[in-house]
Amino acid sequence: MLSNAPRPLTVTALLAVLALAGCSAPEAASPPSSAAGAPTASATPSPTKSTGPWGDFPTAAEACRTISEQATGASLLPLSAAQGKTAELEQYKAELSRTAERVPESLKVDFAKLNQVAVAGLSDQTVFSSGKFQDAMAPVTVWLTANCK
């Protein structure tokens, strides 16, 4: 029975690597800018509402990098849990939740769902083996592919 445990984690890790492939370029296209009314670097981002085309991220590159890293990290939550790394696990969960608050509006619902499914997978491993996690990851991967070229 134990020999089958790594298989869902391996598949999930592979999917995470594939998700990163669409967001590997550090220089993503810049959003259209408007000088009037644009938030300044000193503006404090709202914790519940994205403020710009890249959410609460100042640049496309930062949005792409953080969203990609956090989506990948979500796929690795069960590994941290299995290793008994409670402090790291809590930190990953907190970072994932913070990212869910910061993503662009067009990704908010999908990233929140990914966050919810990933955390649910900590107590129910069938989330990963049944495809629920992959289903939740798919729209995030689509967003990364479309926006992080």
N, C-alpha and C. Protein backbone atom coordinates (compact mmCIF):
# COMPACT_ATOMS: atom_id res chain seq x y z
N MET A 1 0.83 -1.19 0.00
CA MET A 1 0.00 0.00 0.00
C MET A 1 0.88 1.25 0.00
N LEU A 2 1.96 1.25 0.73
CA LEU A 2 2.83 2.41 0.82
C LEU A 2 3.54 2.69 -0.50
N SER A 3 3.78 1.66 -1.29
CA SER A 3 4.48 1.86 -2.57
C SER A 3 3.66 2.69 -3.55
N ASN A 4 2.35 2.78 -3.38
CA ASN A 4 1.51 3.59 -4.26
C ASN A 4 1.45 5.05 -3.83
N ALA A 5 1.89 5.38 -2.64
CA ALA A 5 1.79 6.75 -2.12
C ALA A 5 2.54 7.77 -2.96
N PRO A 6 3.75 7.49 -3.43
CA PRO A 6 4.47 8.53 -4.19
C PRO A 6 3.86 8.84 -5.55
N ARG A 7 3.09 7.93 -6.11
CA ARG A 7 2.57 8.14 -7.46
C ARG A 7 1.76 9.43 -7.60
N PRO A 8 0.74 9.71 -6.74
CA PRO A 8 0.01 10.98 -6.88
C PRO A 8 0.93 12.18 -6.67
N LEU A 9 1.88 12.08 -5.76
CA LEU A 9 2.80 13.19 -5.54
C LEU A 9 3.70 13.41 -6.75
N THR A 10 4.13 12.32 -7.37
CA THR A 10 4.96 12.43 -8.56
C THR A 10 4.19 13.09 -9.69
N VAL A 11 2.96 12.66 -9.89
CA VAL A 11 2.12 13.24 -10.95
C VAL A 11 1.88 14.71 -10.66
N THR A 12 1.59 15.05 -9.42
CA THR A 12 1.34 16.43 -9.05
C THR A 12 2.59 17.28 -9.25
N ALA A 13 3.74 16.76 -8.86
CA ALA A 13 4.99 17.50 -9.04
C ALA A 13 5.26 17.72 -10.53
N LEU A 14 4.99 16.71 -11.35
CA LEU A 14 5.18 16.83 -12.79
C LEU A 14 4.27 17.91 -13.35
N LEU A 15 3.01 17.93 -12.92
CA LEU A 15 2.09 18.96 -13.38
C LEU A 15 2.55 20.35 -12.95
N ALA A 16 3.11 20.44 -11.77
CA ALA A 16 3.61 21.73 -11.29
C ALA A 16 4.77 22.22 -12.15
N VAL A 17 5.65 21.31 -12.52
CA VAL A 17 6.77 21.68 -13.38
C VAL A 17 6.26 22.13 -14.74
N LEU A 18 5.26 21.44 -15.26
CA LEU A 18 4.68 21.84 -16.54
C LEU A 18 4.02 23.21 -16.44
N ALA A 19 3.41 23.50 -15.30
CA ALA A 19 2.79 24.81 -15.10
C ALA A 19 3.83 25.91 -15.13
N LEU A 20 5.00 25.62 -14.60
CA LEU A 20 6.07 26.61 -14.58
C LEU A 20 6.64 26.88 -15.97
N ALA A 21 6.53 25.93 -16.85
CA ALA A 21 7.10 26.09 -18.19
C ALA A 21 6.52 27.28 -18.92
N GLY A 22 5.27 27.60 -18.68
CA GLY A 22 4.63 28.73 -19.34
C GLY A 22 5.00 30.06 -18.72
N CYS A 23 5.73 30.05 -17.62
CA CYS A 23 6.02 31.30 -16.91
C CYS A 23 7.50 31.42 -16.59
N SER A 24 8.35 30.94 -17.48
CA SER A 24 9.76 30.94 -17.16
C SER A 24 10.49 32.21 -17.54
N ALA A 25 9.91 33.03 -18.39
CA ALA A 25 10.58 34.25 -18.81
C ALA A 25 10.44 35.32 -17.74
N PRO A 26 11.56 35.92 -17.30
CA PRO A 26 11.46 36.93 -16.27
C PRO A 26 10.90 38.25 -16.77
N GLU A 27 10.95 38.51 -18.04
CA GLU A 27 10.46 39.77 -18.59
C GLU A 27 9.12 39.54 -19.27
N ALA A 28 8.05 39.67 -18.54
CA ALA A 28 6.71 39.53 -19.12
C ALA A 28 6.28 40.88 -19.69
N ALA A 29 5.33 40.84 -20.59
CA ALA A 29 4.84 42.07 -21.20
C ALA A 29 4.24 42.98 -20.14
N SER A 30 4.46 44.28 -20.30
CA SER A 30 3.94 45.24 -19.35
C SER A 30 2.48 45.54 -19.65
N PRO A 31 1.69 45.78 -18.61
CA PRO A 31 0.29 46.14 -18.84
C PRO A 31 0.22 47.56 -19.36
N PRO A 32 -0.88 47.92 -20.03
CA PRO A 32 -1.02 49.31 -20.45
C PRO A 32 -0.99 50.20 -19.22
N SER A 33 -0.30 51.31 -19.32
CA SER A 33 -0.20 52.18 -18.15
C SER A 33 -0.92 53.49 -18.39
N SER A 34 -1.38 54.06 -17.32
CA SER A 34 -1.99 55.38 -17.39
C SER A 34 -1.33 56.21 -16.32
N ALA A 35 -0.75 57.32 -16.71
CA ALA A 35 -0.02 58.15 -15.77
C ALA A 35 -0.96 58.74 -14.72
N ALA A 36 -2.13 59.13 -15.13
CA ALA A 36 -3.08 59.73 -14.19
C ALA A 36 -3.75 58.65 -13.36
N GLY A 37 -3.69 58.79 -12.07
CA GLY A 37 -4.40 57.88 -11.19
C GLY A 37 -3.70 56.56 -10.96
N ALA A 38 -2.50 56.38 -11.51
CA ALA A 38 -1.78 55.13 -11.29
C ALA A 38 -1.26 55.11 -9.86
N PRO A 39 -1.34 53.95 -9.19
CA PRO A 39 -0.85 53.88 -7.82
C PRO A 39 0.66 54.08 -7.79
N THR A 40 1.13 54.72 -6.75
CA THR A 40 2.56 54.93 -6.61
C THR A 40 3.18 53.75 -5.89
N ALA A 41 4.51 53.69 -5.91
CA ALA A 41 5.22 52.59 -5.26
C ALA A 41 4.98 52.59 -3.76
N SER A 42 4.66 53.76 -3.19
CA SER A 42 4.43 53.82 -1.75
C SER A 42 3.00 53.49 -1.36
N ALA A 43 2.13 53.28 -2.34
CA ALA A 43 0.74 52.94 -2.03
C ALA A 43 0.69 51.58 -1.35
N THR A 44 -0.13 51.48 -0.34
CA THR A 44 -0.27 50.22 0.37
C THR A 44 -1.35 49.39 -0.32
N PRO A 45 -1.01 48.16 -0.75
CA PRO A 45 -2.00 47.33 -1.42
C PRO A 45 -3.11 46.92 -0.46
N SER A 46 -4.28 46.83 -0.99
CA SER A 46 -5.43 46.37 -0.22
C SER A 46 -5.32 44.88 0.00
N PRO A 47 -5.57 44.37 1.20
CA PRO A 47 -5.43 42.95 1.43
C PRO A 47 -6.55 42.12 0.81
N THR A 48 -7.65 42.74 0.40
CA THR A 48 -8.76 41.95 -0.11
C THR A 48 -9.10 42.24 -1.57
N LYS A 49 -8.57 43.29 -2.15
CA LYS A 49 -8.91 43.61 -3.52
C LYS A 49 -7.64 43.93 -4.30
N SER A 50 -7.52 43.35 -5.47
CA SER A 50 -6.39 43.62 -6.33
C SER A 50 -6.51 45.04 -6.84
N THR A 51 -5.38 45.73 -6.93
CA THR A 51 -5.41 47.15 -7.27
C THR A 51 -5.08 47.45 -8.72
N GLY A 52 -4.45 46.57 -9.44
CA GLY A 52 -4.05 46.87 -10.81
C GLY A 52 -4.19 45.67 -11.71
N PRO A 53 -3.70 45.81 -12.93
CA PRO A 53 -3.83 44.71 -13.89
C PRO A 53 -3.06 43.45 -13.45
N TRP A 54 -2.10 43.62 -12.57
CA TRP A 54 -1.34 42.46 -12.06
C TRP A 54 -1.68 42.21 -10.60
N GLY A 55 -2.88 42.62 -10.21
CA GLY A 55 -3.30 42.45 -8.82
C GLY A 55 -2.51 43.38 -7.94
N ASP A 56 -2.07 42.90 -6.81
CA ASP A 56 -1.28 43.72 -5.90
C ASP A 56 0.21 43.56 -6.16
N PHE A 57 0.57 43.04 -7.32
CA PHE A 57 1.97 42.92 -7.70
C PHE A 57 2.35 44.12 -8.57
N PRO A 58 3.52 44.70 -8.35
CA PRO A 58 3.88 45.90 -9.10
C PRO A 58 4.21 45.65 -10.57
N THR A 59 4.63 44.45 -10.91
CA THR A 59 5.01 44.16 -12.30
C THR A 59 4.46 42.80 -12.72
N ALA A 60 4.40 42.62 -14.03
CA ALA A 60 3.98 41.33 -14.58
C ALA A 60 4.95 40.24 -14.17
N ALA A 61 6.24 40.56 -14.22
CA ALA A 61 7.26 39.55 -13.87
C ALA A 61 7.09 39.07 -12.43
N GLU A 62 6.84 40.00 -11.51
CA GLU A 62 6.67 39.60 -10.11
C GLU A 62 5.39 38.79 -9.93
N ALA A 63 4.32 39.20 -10.58
CA ALA A 63 3.06 38.46 -10.50
C ALA A 63 3.25 37.05 -11.03
N CYS A 64 3.85 36.94 -12.19
CA CYS A 64 4.05 35.62 -12.81
C CYS A 64 4.92 34.73 -11.93
N ARG A 65 6.02 35.28 -11.43
CA ARG A 65 6.93 34.49 -10.62
C ARG A 65 6.24 34.02 -9.33
N THR A 66 5.59 34.92 -8.63
CA THR A 66 4.97 34.56 -7.35
C THR A 66 3.82 33.59 -7.54
N ILE A 67 2.95 33.85 -8.50
CA ILE A 67 1.80 32.97 -8.74
C ILE A 67 2.28 31.58 -9.13
N SER A 68 3.28 31.52 -10.00
CA SER A 68 3.83 30.23 -10.42
C SER A 68 4.46 29.48 -9.24
N GLU A 69 5.27 30.19 -8.45
CA GLU A 69 5.91 29.56 -7.29
C GLU A 69 4.88 29.04 -6.30
N GLN A 70 3.86 29.85 -6.03
CA GLN A 70 2.86 29.45 -5.05
C GLN A 70 2.00 28.28 -5.55
N ALA A 71 1.68 28.28 -6.84
CA ALA A 71 0.92 27.16 -7.40
C ALA A 71 1.74 25.88 -7.30
N THR A 72 3.02 25.98 -7.60
CA THR A 72 3.90 24.82 -7.47
C THR A 72 3.99 24.38 -6.01
N GLY A 73 4.15 25.35 -5.13
CA GLY A 73 4.21 25.04 -3.70
C GLY A 73 2.96 24.34 -3.20
N ALA A 74 1.81 24.73 -3.76
CA ALA A 74 0.55 24.08 -3.37
C ALA A 74 0.59 22.59 -3.67
N SER A 75 1.23 22.25 -4.77
CA SER A 75 1.31 20.83 -5.14
C SER A 75 2.23 20.05 -4.22
N LEU A 76 3.08 20.75 -3.50
CA LEU A 76 4.03 20.08 -2.62
C LEU A 76 3.61 20.08 -1.15
N LEU A 77 2.46 20.66 -0.84
CA LEU A 77 1.98 20.69 0.55
C LEU A 77 1.92 19.29 1.18
N PRO A 78 1.40 18.28 0.48
CA PRO A 78 1.34 16.96 1.11
C PRO A 78 2.72 16.39 1.46
N LEU A 79 3.72 16.74 0.67
CA LEU A 79 5.07 16.27 0.96
C LEU A 79 5.57 16.87 2.26
N SER A 80 5.34 18.16 2.46
CA SER A 80 5.73 18.80 3.72
C SER A 80 4.97 18.19 4.90
N ALA A 81 3.70 17.92 4.69
CA ALA A 81 2.89 17.32 5.75
C ALA A 81 3.40 15.92 6.08
N ALA A 82 3.72 15.15 5.05
CA ALA A 82 4.19 13.78 5.26
C ALA A 82 5.53 13.75 5.98
N GLN A 83 6.33 14.79 5.79
CA GLN A 83 7.63 14.86 6.43
C GLN A 83 7.54 15.44 7.84
N GLY A 84 6.33 15.81 8.26
CA GLY A 84 6.13 16.32 9.61
C GLY A 84 6.70 17.71 9.82
N LYS A 85 6.85 18.48 8.76
CA LYS A 85 7.39 19.83 8.85
C LYS A 85 6.25 20.82 9.11
N THR A 86 5.75 20.80 10.34
CA THR A 86 4.58 21.58 10.70
C THR A 86 4.79 23.08 10.52
N ALA A 87 5.92 23.60 10.96
CA ALA A 87 6.17 25.04 10.85
C ALA A 87 6.24 25.46 9.38
N GLU A 88 6.95 24.68 8.57
CA GLU A 88 7.04 24.99 7.15
C GLU A 88 5.67 24.89 6.49
N LEU A 89 4.91 23.90 6.86
CA LEU A 89 3.59 23.70 6.29
C LEU A 89 2.70 24.91 6.59
N GLU A 90 2.71 25.39 7.81
CA GLU A 90 1.91 26.56 8.18
C GLU A 90 2.37 27.79 7.41
N GLN A 91 3.67 27.91 7.21
CA GLN A 91 4.19 29.05 6.46
C GLN A 91 3.74 28.97 5.00
N TYR A 92 3.82 27.77 4.39
CA TYR A 92 3.37 27.60 3.00
C TYR A 92 1.89 27.93 2.85
N LYS A 93 1.09 27.45 3.81
CA LYS A 93 -0.35 27.72 3.75
C LYS A 93 -0.63 29.21 3.85
N ALA A 94 0.09 29.91 4.73
CA ALA A 94 -0.10 31.35 4.90
C ALA A 94 0.31 32.10 3.63
N GLU A 95 1.43 31.70 3.03
CA GLU A 95 1.90 32.34 1.80
C GLU A 95 0.91 32.11 0.66
N LEU A 96 0.37 30.92 0.58
CA LEU A 96 -0.60 30.60 -0.46
C LEU A 96 -1.85 31.47 -0.29
N SER A 97 -2.31 31.63 0.95
CA SER A 97 -3.47 32.48 1.22
C SER A 97 -3.20 33.94 0.89
N ARG A 98 -2.00 34.43 1.24
CA ARG A 98 -1.64 35.82 0.92
C ARG A 98 -1.60 36.03 -0.60
N THR A 99 -1.07 35.07 -1.32
CA THR A 99 -1.02 35.18 -2.77
C THR A 99 -2.42 35.19 -3.34
N ALA A 100 -3.31 34.37 -2.80
CA ALA A 100 -4.70 34.33 -3.28
C ALA A 100 -5.36 35.70 -3.15
N GLU A 101 -4.98 36.47 -2.14
CA GLU A 101 -5.52 37.81 -1.94
C GLU A 101 -4.92 38.82 -2.92
N ARG A 102 -3.72 38.55 -3.42
CA ARG A 102 -2.98 39.52 -4.23
C ARG A 102 -3.12 39.32 -5.73
N VAL A 103 -3.61 38.19 -6.18
CA VAL A 103 -3.65 37.92 -7.62
C VAL A 103 -4.61 38.87 -8.33
N PRO A 104 -4.44 39.01 -9.65
CA PRO A 104 -5.36 39.86 -10.42
C PRO A 104 -6.81 39.36 -10.29
N GLU A 105 -7.73 40.29 -10.46
CA GLU A 105 -9.16 39.95 -10.34
C GLU A 105 -9.55 38.77 -11.23
N SER A 106 -8.98 38.72 -12.43
CA SER A 106 -9.33 37.66 -13.38
C SER A 106 -8.92 36.27 -12.89
N LEU A 107 -8.08 36.21 -11.86
CA LEU A 107 -7.58 34.93 -11.36
C LEU A 107 -8.04 34.66 -9.92
N LYS A 108 -8.68 35.63 -9.29
CA LYS A 108 -9.04 35.52 -7.86
C LYS A 108 -9.82 34.25 -7.53
N VAL A 109 -10.90 34.01 -8.24
CA VAL A 109 -11.77 32.86 -7.94
C VAL A 109 -11.01 31.56 -8.15
N ASP A 110 -10.28 31.46 -9.26
CA ASP A 110 -9.56 30.22 -9.56
C ASP A 110 -8.42 29.97 -8.57
N PHE A 111 -7.70 31.02 -8.19
CA PHE A 111 -6.59 30.82 -7.26
C PHE A 111 -7.12 30.51 -5.86
N ALA A 112 -8.22 31.13 -5.48
CA ALA A 112 -8.85 30.82 -4.19
C ALA A 112 -9.27 29.35 -4.15
N LYS A 113 -9.79 28.86 -5.27
CA LYS A 113 -10.20 27.44 -5.34
C LYS A 113 -8.97 26.54 -5.23
N LEU A 114 -7.88 26.90 -5.92
CA LEU A 114 -6.64 26.12 -5.83
C LEU A 114 -6.17 26.08 -4.37
N ASN A 115 -6.20 27.21 -3.71
CA ASN A 115 -5.80 27.29 -2.31
C ASN A 115 -6.66 26.36 -1.45
N GLN A 116 -7.97 26.44 -1.64
CA GLN A 116 -8.91 25.62 -0.87
C GLN A 116 -8.68 24.12 -1.11
N VAL A 117 -8.53 23.75 -2.36
CA VAL A 117 -8.34 22.34 -2.71
C VAL A 117 -7.01 21.82 -2.17
N ALA A 118 -5.95 22.62 -2.31
CA ALA A 118 -4.64 22.20 -1.83
C ALA A 118 -4.65 21.97 -0.32
N VAL A 119 -5.26 22.87 0.42
CA VAL A 119 -5.33 22.72 1.87
C VAL A 119 -6.22 21.52 2.24
N ALA A 120 -7.30 21.32 1.52
CA ALA A 120 -8.16 20.16 1.77
C ALA A 120 -7.39 18.86 1.53
N GLY A 121 -6.46 18.89 0.59
CA GLY A 121 -5.66 17.71 0.29
C GLY A 121 -4.74 17.28 1.42
N LEU A 122 -4.53 18.15 2.36
CA LEU A 122 -3.69 17.77 3.51
C LEU A 122 -4.38 16.74 4.39
N SER A 123 -5.69 16.81 4.46
CA SER A 123 -6.42 15.84 5.29
C SER A 123 -7.11 14.77 4.44
N ASP A 124 -7.14 14.97 3.14
CA ASP A 124 -7.80 14.01 2.24
C ASP A 124 -6.94 13.82 0.99
N GLN A 125 -6.08 12.81 1.02
CA GLN A 125 -5.15 12.57 -0.08
C GLN A 125 -5.84 12.25 -1.41
N THR A 126 -7.13 11.89 -1.36
CA THR A 126 -7.83 11.61 -2.62
C THR A 126 -7.98 12.86 -3.47
N VAL A 127 -7.82 14.04 -2.87
CA VAL A 127 -7.86 15.29 -3.63
C VAL A 127 -6.82 15.23 -4.75
N PHE A 128 -5.67 14.66 -4.45
CA PHE A 128 -4.59 14.57 -5.43
C PHE A 128 -4.75 13.38 -6.36
N SER A 129 -5.14 12.25 -5.83
CA SER A 129 -5.25 11.05 -6.66
C SER A 129 -6.51 11.05 -7.53
N SER A 130 -7.53 11.80 -7.15
CA SER A 130 -8.78 11.81 -7.91
C SER A 130 -8.79 12.83 -9.05
N GLY A 131 -7.80 13.70 -9.09
CA GLY A 131 -7.75 14.73 -10.12
C GLY A 131 -8.32 16.07 -9.70
N LYS A 132 -8.85 16.16 -8.47
CA LYS A 132 -9.42 17.43 -8.01
C LYS A 132 -8.37 18.54 -7.98
N PHE A 133 -7.16 18.19 -7.53
CA PHE A 133 -6.11 19.20 -7.49
C PHE A 133 -5.73 19.63 -8.91
N GLN A 134 -5.59 18.68 -9.80
CA GLN A 134 -5.23 19.01 -11.19
C GLN A 134 -6.31 19.89 -11.82
N ASP A 135 -7.57 19.60 -11.51
CA ASP A 135 -8.68 20.41 -12.03
C ASP A 135 -8.61 21.84 -11.49
N ALA A 136 -8.25 21.99 -10.22
CA ALA A 136 -8.13 23.32 -9.63
C ALA A 136 -6.91 24.05 -10.16
N MET A 137 -5.86 23.32 -10.49
CA MET A 137 -4.63 23.92 -11.00
C MET A 137 -4.78 24.36 -12.46
N ALA A 138 -5.64 23.70 -13.23
CA ALA A 138 -5.75 23.96 -14.67
C ALA A 138 -6.01 25.43 -15.01
N PRO A 139 -6.99 26.11 -14.40
CA PRO A 139 -7.20 27.52 -14.78
C PRO A 139 -6.03 28.43 -14.40
N VAL A 140 -5.32 28.09 -13.34
CA VAL A 140 -4.15 28.87 -12.95
C VAL A 140 -3.06 28.69 -14.00
N THR A 141 -2.88 27.47 -14.46
CA THR A 141 -1.90 27.19 -15.50
C THR A 141 -2.27 27.91 -16.79
N VAL A 142 -3.54 27.93 -17.13
CA VAL A 142 -4.01 28.65 -18.32
C VAL A 142 -3.69 30.14 -18.19
N TRP A 143 -3.96 30.70 -17.02
CA TRP A 143 -3.66 32.13 -16.79
C TRP A 143 -2.16 32.39 -16.94
N LEU A 144 -1.35 31.54 -16.34
CA LEU A 144 0.10 31.70 -16.44
C LEU A 144 0.56 31.64 -17.89
N THR A 145 0.04 30.69 -18.64
CA THR A 145 0.42 30.54 -20.04
C THR A 145 0.02 31.77 -20.86
N ALA A 146 -1.17 32.29 -20.59
CA ALA A 146 -1.67 33.43 -21.35
C ALA A 146 -1.00 34.75 -20.96
N ASN A 147 -0.56 34.89 -19.73
CA ASN A 147 -0.08 36.18 -19.24
C ASN A 147 1.41 36.25 -18.95
N CYS A 148 2.07 35.13 -18.95
CA CYS A 148 3.49 35.11 -18.54
C CYS A 148 4.36 34.53 -19.66
N LYS A 149 4.45 35.26 -20.72
CA LYS A 149 5.18 34.78 -21.89
C LYS A 149 6.62 35.24 -21.86
